[in-house]
Amino acid sequence: MNIALVLVLAATVNVFAAASLTEAFNAAAAAFTQKTGIEVKLNYGGSDTLATQIKQGAPADVFASANLVQMKNVADAGLVAGTPKTFAKNRLVLIAPKNDPVKVASPADLAKPGVKVVLAAATVPVGAYARAALTKLGLHVEKNVVSNELDVKAVVTKISLGEADAGIVYSTDVTATVAPKLNAFPFPAAVEPDIEYPIAALKNAQDTKGAQAFVDYIVSPEGQGFLKARGFISP
């Protein structure tokens, strides 16, 4: 499909996207608009929250989720047009404030008495991924969790501000803006979950051609370039 040939007068595509996609999708959407003339409105949040909003009738044209579960929830409600496509993968990292005296340096440290941990809520993809990895490591950290956030960016914000000792986010969320404030530590490869990001146009899209054009752009080599540049892994 040649997206340059998609001609829609005053078209706007409403994209509901996982919060971790913020930087990549901001850049990709601007390039897509320049290429096609189709404006993109981006609504970021936890994938679970976005899926709920879509099922309740929010005006979304495209859904980009940080896991397969929330895409399936929308698909099972009969709201997905066609077959969702996995367009990116990611990894987990443990983050801690650089000036924190607790000196968290590995997942095992999260279970130590007195360590204050911030996670995304269990229904948020990164929260579910984090708990799955910790379970595989045999670590029980819920007693140390002082806050369950609505999306991954909120976890990053709290840790970068020094409001807790550690959190678990995606590697792509340690952006140039927050990296100077954080130490980041990878998880062992053996416990890394398979983090997949699916995208799909929605049946109730106000502009079905524009919605599909945006999906096609994100999975195209040009669209993938914006993701790779921000640390996402090709599917």
C-alpha atoms as a PDB file:
ATOM      1  CA  MET A   1       0.000   0.000   0.000  1.00  0.00           C
ATOM      2  CA  ASN A   2       1.398   3.410  -0.938  1.00  0.00           C
ATOM      3  CA  ILE A   3       0.511   5.571   2.039  1.00  0.00           C
ATOM      4  CA  ALA A   4       1.540   8.667   0.134  1.00  0.00           C
ATOM      5  CA  LEU A   5      -1.543   8.097  -2.038  1.00  0.00           C
ATOM      6  CA  VAL A   6      -3.975   8.080   0.889  1.00  0.00           C
ATOM      7  CA  LEU A   7      -5.908  11.275   0.372  1.00  0.00           C
ATOM      8  CA  VAL A   8      -8.325  12.285   3.098  1.00  0.00           C
ATOM      9  CA  LEU A   9      -9.447  15.846   3.568  1.00  0.00           C
ATOM     10  CA  ALA A  10      -8.758  17.203   7.063  1.00  0.00           C
ATOM     11  CA  ALA A  11      -8.153  13.640   8.251  1.00  0.00           C
ATOM     12  CA  THR A  12      -7.197  12.930  11.842  1.00  0.00           C
ATOM     13  CA  VAL A  13      -6.203   9.540  13.217  1.00  0.00           C
ATOM     14  CA  ASN A  14      -6.649   8.970  16.944  1.00  0.00           C
ATOM     15  CA  VAL A  15      -3.938   6.612  18.167  1.00  0.00           C
ATOM     16  CA  PHE A  16      -4.168   5.023  21.619  1.00  0.00           C
ATOM     17  CA  ALA A  17      -0.636   3.888  22.464  1.00  0.00           C
ATOM     18  CA  ALA A  18       1.224   2.393  25.409  1.00  0.00           C
ATOM     19  CA  ALA A  19       3.048   5.041  27.445  1.00  0.00           C
ATOM     20  CA  SER A  20       6.425   3.459  26.711  1.00  0.00           C
ATOM     21  CA  LEU A  21       5.973   4.363  23.042  1.00  0.00           C
ATOM     22  CA  THR A  22       5.786   8.099  23.733  1.00  0.00           C
ATOM     23  CA  GLU A  23       9.128   9.233  22.331  1.00  0.00           C
ATOM     24  CA  ALA A  24       9.135   6.875  19.350  1.00  0.00           C
ATOM     25  CA  PHE A  25       5.529   7.549  18.349  1.00  0.00           C
ATOM     26  CA  ASN A  26       5.856  11.316  18.769  1.00  0.00           C
ATOM     27  CA  ALA A  27       8.650  11.262  16.202  1.00  0.00           C
ATOM     28  CA  ALA A  28       6.979   8.725  13.917  1.00  0.00           C
ATOM     29  CA  ALA A  29       3.645  10.546  13.959  1.00  0.00           C
ATOM     30  CA  ALA A  30       5.248  13.829  12.927  1.00  0.00           C
ATOM     31  CA  ALA A  31       6.978  12.123   9.989  1.00  0.00           C
ATOM     32  CA  PHE A  32       3.759  10.299   9.041  1.00  0.00           C
ATOM     33  CA  THR A  33       1.814  13.571   8.990  1.00  0.00           C
ATOM     34  CA  GLN A  34       4.462  15.229   6.825  1.00  0.00           C
ATOM     35  CA  LYS A  35       4.357  12.282   4.438  1.00  0.00           C
ATOM     36  CA  THR A  36       0.593  11.832   4.169  1.00  0.00           C
ATOM     37  CA  GLY A  37      -1.054  15.041   5.365  1.00  0.00           C
ATOM     38  CA  ILE A  38      -3.008  12.991   7.925  1.00  0.00           C
ATOM     39  CA  GLU A  39      -2.881  14.480  11.428  1.00  0.00           C
ATOM     40  CA  VAL A  40      -2.257  12.132  14.346  1.00  0.00           C
ATOM     41  CA  LYS A  41      -3.674  12.601  17.828  1.00  0.00           C
ATOM     42  CA  LEU A  42      -1.784  10.505  20.361  1.00  0.00           C
ATOM     43  CA  ASN A  43      -3.300   9.313  23.608  1.00  0.00           C
ATOM     44  CA  TYR A  44      -0.771   7.571  25.857  1.00  0.00           C
ATOM     45  CA  GLY A  45      -1.388   5.485  28.955  1.00  0.00           C
ATOM     46  CA  GLY A  46      -1.196   2.053  30.471  1.00  0.00           C
ATOM     47  CA  SER A  47      -2.344  -0.490  27.887  1.00  0.00           C
ATOM     48  CA  ASP A  48      -4.946  -1.857  30.302  1.00  0.00           C
ATOM     49  CA  THR A  49      -6.459   1.605  30.769  1.00  0.00           C
ATOM     50  CA  LEU A  50      -6.469   2.261  27.035  1.00  0.00           C
ATOM     51  CA  ALA A  51      -8.097  -1.097  26.295  1.00  0.00           C
ATOM     52  CA  THR A  52     -10.845  -0.322  28.802  1.00  0.00           C
ATOM     53  CA  GLN A  53     -11.415   3.112  27.263  1.00  0.00           C
ATOM     54  CA  ILE A  54     -11.660   1.604  23.770  1.00  0.00           C
ATOM     55  CA  LYS A  55     -14.161  -1.011  24.948  1.00  0.00           C
ATOM     56  CA  GLN A  56     -16.208   1.764  26.545  1.00  0.00           C
ATOM     57  CA  GLY A  57     -16.464   3.609  23.241  1.00  0.00           C
ATOM     58  CA  ALA A  58     -13.577   6.075  23.310  1.00  0.00           C
ATOM     59  CA  PRO A  59     -12.934   7.540  19.826  1.00  0.00           C
ATOM     60  CA  ALA A  60      -9.847   5.490  18.936  1.00  0.00           C
ATOM     61  CA  ASP A  61      -8.770   4.594  15.417  1.00  0.00           C
ATOM     62  CA  VAL A  62      -5.576   2.642  16.230  1.00  0.00           C
ATOM     63  CA  PHE A  63      -4.464   0.702  19.295  1.00  0.00           C
ATOM     64  CA  ALA A  64      -0.793   0.005  20.027  1.00  0.00           C
ATOM     65  CA  SER A  65      -0.428  -2.154  23.126  1.00  0.00           C
ATOM     66  CA  ALA A  66       2.623  -3.107  25.188  1.00  0.00           C
ATOM     67  CA  ASN A  67       1.422  -6.693  25.437  1.00  0.00           C
ATOM     68  CA  LEU A  68      -0.679  -9.265  23.618  1.00  0.00           C
ATOM     69  CA  VAL A  69      -3.139  -9.601  26.516  1.00  0.00           C
ATOM     70  CA  GLN A  70      -4.659  -6.135  26.201  1.00  0.00           C
ATOM     71  CA  MET A  71      -4.841  -6.365  22.421  1.00  0.00           C
ATOM     72  CA  LYS A  72      -6.674  -9.670  22.817  1.00  0.00           C
ATOM     73  CA  ASN A  73      -9.112  -8.003  25.223  1.00  0.00           C
ATOM     74  CA  VAL A  74      -9.991  -5.462  22.543  1.00  0.00           C
ATOM     75  CA  ALA A  75     -10.082  -8.107  19.805  1.00  0.00           C
ATOM     76  CA  ASP A  76     -12.340 -10.372  21.884  1.00  0.00           C
ATOM     77  CA  ALA A  77     -14.776  -7.463  22.141  1.00  0.00           C
ATOM     78  CA  GLY A  78     -14.989  -7.469  18.342  1.00  0.00           C
ATOM     79  CA  LEU A  79     -13.291  -4.087  17.979  1.00  0.00           C
ATOM     80  CA  VAL A  80     -10.163  -4.936  15.990  1.00  0.00           C
ATOM     81  CA  ALA A  81     -10.083  -4.684  12.203  1.00  0.00           C
ATOM     82  CA  GLY A  82      -7.964  -7.415  10.670  1.00  0.00           C
ATOM     83  CA  THR A  83      -5.111  -9.157  12.455  1.00  0.00           C
ATOM     84  CA  PRO A  84      -2.892  -7.267  14.923  1.00  0.00           C
ATOM     85  CA  LYS A  85       0.774  -7.048  13.946  1.00  0.00           C
ATOM     86  CA  THR A  86       3.693  -7.244  16.354  1.00  0.00           C
ATOM     87  CA  PHE A  87       5.853  -4.226  15.519  1.00  0.00           C
ATOM     88  CA  ALA A  88       8.400  -4.082  18.359  1.00  0.00           C
ATOM     89  CA  LYS A  89       9.880  -5.878  21.336  1.00  0.00           C
ATOM     90  CA  ASN A  90      11.509  -4.617  24.518  1.00  0.00           C
ATOM     91  CA  ARG A  91      13.486  -5.585  27.621  1.00  0.00           C
ATOM     92  CA  LEU A  92      13.109  -4.955  31.342  1.00  0.00           C
ATOM     93  CA  VAL A  93      15.590  -3.031  33.458  1.00  0.00           C
ATOM     94  CA  LEU A  94      15.850  -2.310  37.153  1.00  0.00           C
ATOM     95  CA  ILE A  95      16.305   1.396  37.839  1.00  0.00           C
ATOM     96  CA  ALA A  96      17.507   3.193  40.961  1.00  0.00           C
ATOM     97  CA  PRO A  97      18.322   6.843  41.735  1.00  0.00           C
ATOM     98  CA  LYS A  98      22.033   7.568  41.307  1.00  0.00           C
ATOM     99  CA  ASN A  99      22.168   9.376  44.639  1.00  0.00           C
ATOM    100  CA  ASP A 100      20.163   6.816  46.645  1.00  0.00           C
ATOM    101  CA  PRO A 101      22.024   5.568  49.744  1.00  0.00           C
ATOM    102  CA  VAL A 102      20.384   2.122  49.626  1.00  0.00           C
ATOM    103  CA  LYS A 103      22.519   1.174  46.606  1.00  0.00           C
ATOM    104  CA  VAL A 104      20.166  -1.191  44.810  1.00  0.00           C
ATOM    105  CA  ALA A 105      22.191  -2.950  42.103  1.00  0.00           C
ATOM    106  CA  SER A 106      20.348  -6.179  41.252  1.00  0.00           C
ATOM    107  CA  PRO A 107      16.831  -7.652  41.320  1.00  0.00           C
ATOM    108  CA  ALA A 108      17.741  -9.592  44.488  1.00  0.00           C
ATOM    109  CA  ASP A 109      18.167  -6.285  46.333  1.00  0.00           C
ATOM    110  CA  LEU A 110      14.449  -5.541  45.883  1.00  0.00           C
ATOM    111  CA  ALA A 111      13.583  -8.196  48.477  1.00  0.00           C
ATOM    112  CA  LYS A 112      15.844  -6.764  51.182  1.00  0.00           C
ATOM    113  CA  PRO A 113      14.094  -5.316  54.260  1.00  0.00           C
ATOM    114  CA  GLY A 114      13.410  -1.600  54.041  1.00  0.00           C
ATOM    115  CA  VAL A 115      13.914  -1.227  50.294  1.00  0.00           C
ATOM    116  CA  LYS A 116      11.178   0.957  48.811  1.00  0.00           C
ATOM    117  CA  VAL A 117      10.034  -0.387  45.431  1.00  0.00           C
ATOM    118  CA  VAL A 118       7.749   1.217  42.852  1.00  0.00           C
ATOM    119  CA  LEU A 119       6.123  -0.984  40.215  1.00  0.00           C
ATOM    120  CA  ALA A 120       3.424  -0.440  37.647  1.00  0.00           C
ATOM    121  CA  ALA A 121       0.135  -2.034  38.683  1.00  0.00           C
ATOM    122  CA  ALA A 122      -0.190  -5.738  37.944  1.00  0.00           C
ATOM    123  CA  THR A 123      -2.732  -5.063  35.176  1.00  0.00           C
ATOM    124  CA  VAL A 124      -0.302  -2.755  33.356  1.00  0.00           C
ATOM    125  CA  PRO A 125       1.917  -4.742  30.968  1.00  0.00           C
ATOM    126  CA  VAL A 126       5.225  -3.677  32.491  1.00  0.00           C
ATOM    127  CA  GLY A 127       3.855  -4.459  35.946  1.00  0.00           C
ATOM    128  CA  ALA A 128       2.869  -7.942  34.845  1.00  0.00           C
ATOM    129  CA  TYR A 129       6.196  -8.501  33.085  1.00  0.00           C
ATOM    130  CA  ALA A 130       8.102  -7.334  36.174  1.00  0.00           C
ATOM    131  CA  ARG A 131       6.231  -9.659  38.504  1.00  0.00           C
ATOM    132  CA  ALA A 132       6.716 -12.587  36.134  1.00  0.00           C
ATOM    133  CA  ALA A 133      10.475 -12.001  36.041  1.00  0.00           C
ATOM    134  CA  LEU A 134      10.682 -11.659  39.823  1.00  0.00           C
ATOM    135  CA  THR A 135       8.694 -14.864  40.282  1.00  0.00           C
ATOM    136  CA  LYS A 136      11.105 -16.729  38.002  1.00  0.00           C
ATOM    137  CA  LEU A 137      13.931 -15.459  40.189  1.00  0.00           C
ATOM    138  CA  GLY A 138      12.136 -16.695  43.302  1.00  0.00           C
ATOM    139  CA  LEU A 139      11.937 -13.180  44.724  1.00  0.00           C
ATOM    140  CA  HIS A 140       9.045 -11.956  46.861  1.00  0.00           C
ATOM    141  CA  VAL A 141       9.052  -8.172  46.843  1.00  0.00           C
ATOM    142  CA  GLU A 142       5.397  -7.176  47.239  1.00  0.00           C
ATOM    143  CA  LYS A 143       5.989  -6.348  50.914  1.00  0.00           C
ATOM    144  CA  ASN A 144       8.416  -3.655  49.756  1.00  0.00           C
ATOM    145  CA  VAL A 145       6.180  -2.163  47.057  1.00  0.00           C
ATOM    146  CA  VAL A 146       5.192   1.322  48.201  1.00  0.00           C
ATOM    147  CA  SER A 147       3.308   2.337  45.052  1.00  0.00           C
ATOM    148  CA  ASN A 148       1.607   0.707  42.066  1.00  0.00           C
ATOM    149  CA  GLU A 149       1.544   3.140  39.163  1.00  0.00           C
ATOM    150  CA  LEU A 150      -0.854   3.463  36.226  1.00  0.00           C
ATOM    151  CA  ASP A 151       1.866   3.368  33.573  1.00  0.00           C
ATOM    152  CA  VAL A 152       5.596   2.930  33.119  1.00  0.00           C
ATOM    153  CA  LYS A 153       6.365   6.639  32.801  1.00  0.00           C
ATOM    154  CA  ALA A 154       5.002   7.219  36.305  1.00  0.00           C
ATOM    155  CA  VAL A 155       7.438   4.625  37.648  1.00  0.00           C
ATOM    156  CA  VAL A 156      10.335   6.359  35.894  1.00  0.00           C
ATOM    157  CA  THR A 157       9.263   9.735  37.277  1.00  0.00           C
ATOM    158  CA  LYS A 158       9.099   8.540  40.884  1.00  0.00           C
ATOM    159  CA  ILE A 159      12.485   6.865  40.774  1.00  0.00           C
ATOM    160  CA  SER A 160      14.192   9.729  38.944  1.00  0.00           C
ATOM    161  CA  LEU A 161      12.858  12.088  41.635  1.00  0.00           C
ATOM    162  CA  GLY A 162      14.240   9.829  44.359  1.00  0.00           C
ATOM    163  CA  GLU A 163      10.824   9.026  45.826  1.00  0.00           C
ATOM    164  CA  ALA A 164      11.738   5.330  46.159  1.00  0.00           C
ATOM    165  CA  ASP A 165      14.814   3.123  45.986  1.00  0.00           C
ATOM    166  CA  ALA A 166      14.059   1.137  42.851  1.00  0.00           C
ATOM    167  CA  GLY A 167      11.578   0.363  40.099  1.00  0.00           C
ATOM    168  CA  ILE A 168      11.228  -1.876  37.067  1.00  0.00           C
ATOM    169  CA  VAL A 169      10.652  -0.350  33.630  1.00  0.00           C
ATOM    170  CA  TYR A 170      11.485  -0.989  29.993  1.00  0.00           C
ATOM    171  CA  SER A 171      15.017  -0.304  28.826  1.00  0.00           C
ATOM    172  CA  THR A 172      13.608   2.202  26.323  1.00  0.00           C
ATOM    173  CA  ASP A 173      12.223   4.321  29.170  1.00  0.00           C
ATOM    174  CA  VAL A 174      15.716   5.201  30.357  1.00  0.00           C
ATOM    175  CA  THR A 175      15.798   8.089  27.903  1.00  0.00           C
ATOM    176  CA  ALA A 176      18.486  10.748  27.543  1.00  0.00           C
ATOM    177  CA  THR A 177      16.359  13.044  29.707  1.00  0.00           C
ATOM    178  CA  VAL A 178      16.270  10.791  32.764  1.00  0.00           C
ATOM    179  CA  ALA A 179      19.424   8.688  32.289  1.00  0.00           C
ATOM    180  CA  PRO A 180      21.672  11.140  34.198  1.00  0.00           C
ATOM    181  CA  LYS A 181      19.495  10.624  37.286  1.00  0.00           C
ATOM    182  CA  LEU A 182      19.334   6.840  37.163  1.00  0.00           C
ATOM    183  CA  ASN A 183      21.356   3.672  37.440  1.00  0.00           C
ATOM    184  CA  ALA A 184      19.954   0.893  35.255  1.00  0.00           C
ATOM    185  CA  PHE A 185      20.605  -2.833  35.616  1.00  0.00           C
ATOM    186  CA  PRO A 186      19.470  -5.588  33.217  1.00  0.00           C
ATOM    187  CA  PHE A 187      17.575  -8.702  34.214  1.00  0.00           C
ATOM    188  CA  PRO A 188      19.168 -12.125  33.632  1.00  0.00           C
ATOM    189  CA  ALA A 189      18.363 -13.363  30.140  1.00  0.00           C
ATOM    190  CA  ALA A 190      16.882 -16.563  31.561  1.00  0.00           C
ATOM    191  CA  VAL A 191      14.021 -14.684  33.248  1.00  0.00           C
ATOM    192  CA  GLU A 192      13.393 -12.012  30.627  1.00  0.00           C
ATOM    193  CA  PRO A 193       9.765 -12.133  29.481  1.00  0.00           C
ATOM    194  CA  ASP A 194       8.898 -12.015  25.788  1.00  0.00           C
ATOM    195  CA  ILE A 195       7.729  -8.416  25.537  1.00  0.00           C
ATOM    196  CA  GLU A 196       5.711  -7.904  22.342  1.00  0.00           C
ATOM    197  CA  TYR A 197       3.991  -4.757  21.116  1.00  0.00           C
ATOM    198  CA  PRO A 198       1.029  -5.387  18.758  1.00  0.00           C
ATOM    199  CA  ILE A 199      -0.734  -2.697  16.737  1.00  0.00           C
ATOM    200  CA  ALA A 200      -4.076  -2.743  14.932  1.00  0.00           C
ATOM    201  CA  ALA A 201      -6.617  -0.495  13.276  1.00  0.00           C
ATOM    202  CA  LEU A 202     -10.010  -0.537  14.991  1.00  0.00           C
ATOM    203  CA  LYS A 203     -13.376  -1.374  13.470  1.00  0.00           C
ATOM    204  CA  ASN A 204     -15.025   1.792  14.749  1.00  0.00           C
ATOM    205  CA  ALA A 205     -12.334   4.076  13.334  1.00  0.00           C
ATOM    206  CA  GLN A 206     -13.710   7.326  11.962  1.00  0.00           C
ATOM    207  CA  ASP A 207     -11.113   7.166   9.189  1.00  0.00           C
ATOM    208  CA  THR A 208     -10.448   3.524   8.358  1.00  0.00           C
ATOM    209  CA  LYS A 209      -8.007   4.287   5.528  1.00  0.00           C
ATOM    210  CA  GLY A 210      -6.017   6.699   7.671  1.00  0.00           C
ATOM    211  CA  ALA A 211      -5.955   4.242  10.559  1.00  0.00           C
ATOM    212  CA  GLN A 212      -4.626   1.459   8.373  1.00  0.00           C
ATOM    213  CA  ALA A 213      -2.135   3.827   6.770  1.00  0.00           C
ATOM    214  CA  PHE A 214      -0.689   4.632  10.207  1.00  0.00           C
ATOM    215  CA  VAL A 215      -0.438   0.931  11.090  1.00  0.00           C
ATOM    216  CA  ASP A 216       1.282   0.251   7.757  1.00  0.00           C
ATOM    217  CA  TYR A 217       3.693   3.118   8.402  1.00  0.00           C
ATOM    218  CA  ILE A 218       4.704   1.864  11.853  1.00  0.00           C
ATOM    219  CA  VAL A 219       5.528  -1.610  10.520  1.00  0.00           C
ATOM    220  CA  SER A 220       7.332  -0.199   7.457  1.00  0.00           C
ATOM    221  CA  PRO A 221      11.136   0.192   7.420  1.00  0.00           C
ATOM    222  CA  GLU A 222      10.775   3.952   7.851  1.00  0.00           C
ATOM    223  CA  GLY A 223       8.478   3.623  10.845  1.00  0.00           C
ATOM    224  CA  GLN A 224      10.679   0.924  12.357  1.00  0.00           C
ATOM    225  CA  GLY A 225      13.587   3.335  12.191  1.00  0.00           C
ATOM    226  CA  PHE A 226      11.986   5.585  14.799  1.00  0.00           C
ATOM    227  CA  LEU A 227      11.571   2.627  17.148  1.00  0.00           C
ATOM    228  CA  LYS A 228      15.075   1.253  16.650  1.00  0.00           C
ATOM    229  CA  ALA A 229      16.565   4.695  17.252  1.00  0.00           C
ATOM    230  CA  ARG A 230      14.971   4.665  20.703  1.00  0.00           C
ATOM    231  CA  GLY A 231      16.109   1.201  21.666  1.00  0.00           C
ATOM    232  CA  PHE A 232      13.173  -0.972  20.661  1.00  0.00           C
ATOM    233  CA  ILE A 233      13.939  -4.397  19.223  1.00  0.00           C
ATOM    234  CA  SER A 234      12.632  -5.453  15.827  1.00  0.00           C
ATOM    235  CA  PRO A 235       9.986  -8.199  16.038  1.00  0.00           C
END
